[in-house]
Amino acid sequence: MKFMTVAAKFFPAVITTTAPTMPTPADWATIITSVTSNFSVANIVLVLASVVTAGIVFVFLWWGIRLAFRSIMGAVKNGSLSINGGRKKKRGG
């Protein structure tokens, strides 16, 4: 109980004794209008395109790093450097 009195002393606006109320449609309307005034469809598309582009770059980097690692490890283990990712060439035909 002592904590509540100390908290009420420093944060009087946070500690209330009234029961919380449900938000009304008018409350949601103010939130929706403020969000739609700040963000446009073009901004959202730009952010999504940037995220997709960054994801594609990371995937290609991951593949490249794995290929380089396999090539280097193959050179260390077998004594030969191969860029084809460790795949063997078929003989004949």
Protein backbone atom coordinates (compact mmCIF):
# COMPACT_ATOMS: atom_id res chain seq x y z
CA MET A 1 0.00 0.00 0.00
CA LYS A 2 2.93 2.29 0.67
CA PHE A 3 4.03 1.88 -2.96
CA MET A 4 0.64 3.14 -4.21
CA THR A 5 0.86 6.29 -2.14
CA VAL A 6 4.40 6.98 -3.37
CA ALA A 7 3.36 6.26 -6.97
CA ALA A 8 0.32 8.50 -6.63
CA LYS A 9 2.57 11.26 -5.36
CA PHE A 10 4.90 11.11 -8.38
CA PHE A 11 2.40 10.05 -11.06
CA PRO A 12 -0.99 11.50 -10.11
CA ALA A 13 -2.34 11.42 -13.68
CA VAL A 14 -1.56 7.73 -14.11
CA ILE A 15 -3.04 6.45 -10.85
CA THR A 16 -6.80 6.87 -10.98
CA THR A 17 -9.59 5.44 -8.91
CA THR A 18 -12.26 5.49 -11.64
CA ALA A 19 -13.09 2.41 -13.66
CA PRO A 20 -11.80 2.34 -17.24
CA THR A 21 -14.34 2.94 -20.00
CA MET A 22 -14.56 1.38 -23.44
CA PRO A 23 -13.57 3.54 -26.41
CA THR A 24 -16.44 4.97 -28.39
CA PRO A 25 -16.69 5.23 -32.20
CA ALA A 26 -15.85 8.92 -31.87
CA ASP A 27 -12.54 7.96 -30.25
CA TRP A 28 -11.74 5.60 -33.10
CA ALA A 29 -12.73 8.24 -35.66
CA THR A 30 -10.11 10.67 -34.34
CA ILE A 31 -7.45 7.97 -34.50
CA ILE A 32 -8.41 6.93 -38.04
CA THR A 33 -8.45 10.50 -39.34
CA SER A 34 -5.06 11.26 -37.83
CA VAL A 35 -3.54 8.08 -39.31
CA THR A 36 -5.05 8.63 -42.77
CA SER A 37 -3.90 12.25 -42.82
CA ASN A 38 -0.30 11.20 -42.10
CA PHE A 39 -0.02 8.13 -44.35
CA SER A 40 -0.99 7.80 -47.99
CA VAL A 41 -1.28 4.73 -50.18
CA ALA A 42 1.90 5.78 -51.99
CA ASN A 43 3.84 5.89 -48.71
CA ILE A 44 2.63 2.42 -47.72
CA VAL A 45 3.49 0.99 -51.16
CA LEU A 46 6.94 2.60 -50.95
CA VAL A 47 7.61 1.03 -47.55
CA LEU A 48 6.41 -2.40 -48.71
CA ALA A 49 8.54 -2.19 -51.88
CA SER A 50 11.58 -1.26 -49.79
CA VAL A 51 11.02 -4.20 -47.44
CA VAL A 52 10.63 -6.65 -50.34
CA THR A 53 13.75 -5.28 -52.05
CA ALA A 54 15.78 -5.58 -48.85
CA GLY A 55 14.52 -9.15 -48.41
CA ILE A 56 15.57 -10.11 -51.94
CA VAL A 57 19.01 -8.59 -51.38
CA PHE A 58 19.44 -10.53 -48.15
CA VAL A 59 18.42 -13.80 -49.84
CA PHE A 60 20.97 -13.32 -52.63
CA LEU A 61 23.64 -12.38 -50.09
CA TRP A 62 22.83 -15.53 -48.12
CA TRP A 63 23.14 -17.72 -51.22
CA GLY A 64 26.39 -16.04 -52.24
CA ILE A 65 27.91 -16.40 -48.79
CA ARG A 66 26.94 -20.09 -48.67
CA LEU A 67 28.44 -20.69 -52.11
CA ALA A 68 31.68 -18.92 -51.17
CA PHE A 69 31.88 -20.81 -47.87
CA ARG A 70 31.34 -24.18 -49.58
CA SER A 71 33.94 -23.32 -52.21
CA ILE A 72 36.53 -22.30 -49.62
CA MET A 73 35.83 -25.34 -47.43
CA GLY A 74 36.06 -27.59 -50.49
CA ALA A 75 39.41 -26.03 -51.37
CA VAL A 76 40.66 -26.64 -47.84
CA LYS A 77 39.40 -30.24 -47.69
CA ASN A 78 40.13 -31.41 -51.24
CA GLY A 79 42.90 -29.07 -52.31
CA SER A 80 40.95 -27.75 -55.30
CA LEU A 81 38.82 -24.65 -55.74
CA SER A 82 35.40 -25.12 -57.34
CA ILE A 83 32.80 -22.43 -58.01
CA ASN A 84 29.94 -24.78 -58.95
CA GLY A 85 28.93 -25.32 -55.33
CA GLY A 86 30.32 -28.81 -54.98
CA ARG A 87 28.19 -30.33 -57.75
CA LYS A 88 29.99 -32.96 -59.78
CA LYS A 89 30.05 -32.87 -63.55
CA LYS A 90 28.49 -35.86 -65.29
CA ARG A 91 30.85 -37.85 -67.46
CA GLY A 92 29.79 -39.09 -70.82
CA GLY A 93 26.65 -38.21 -72.69
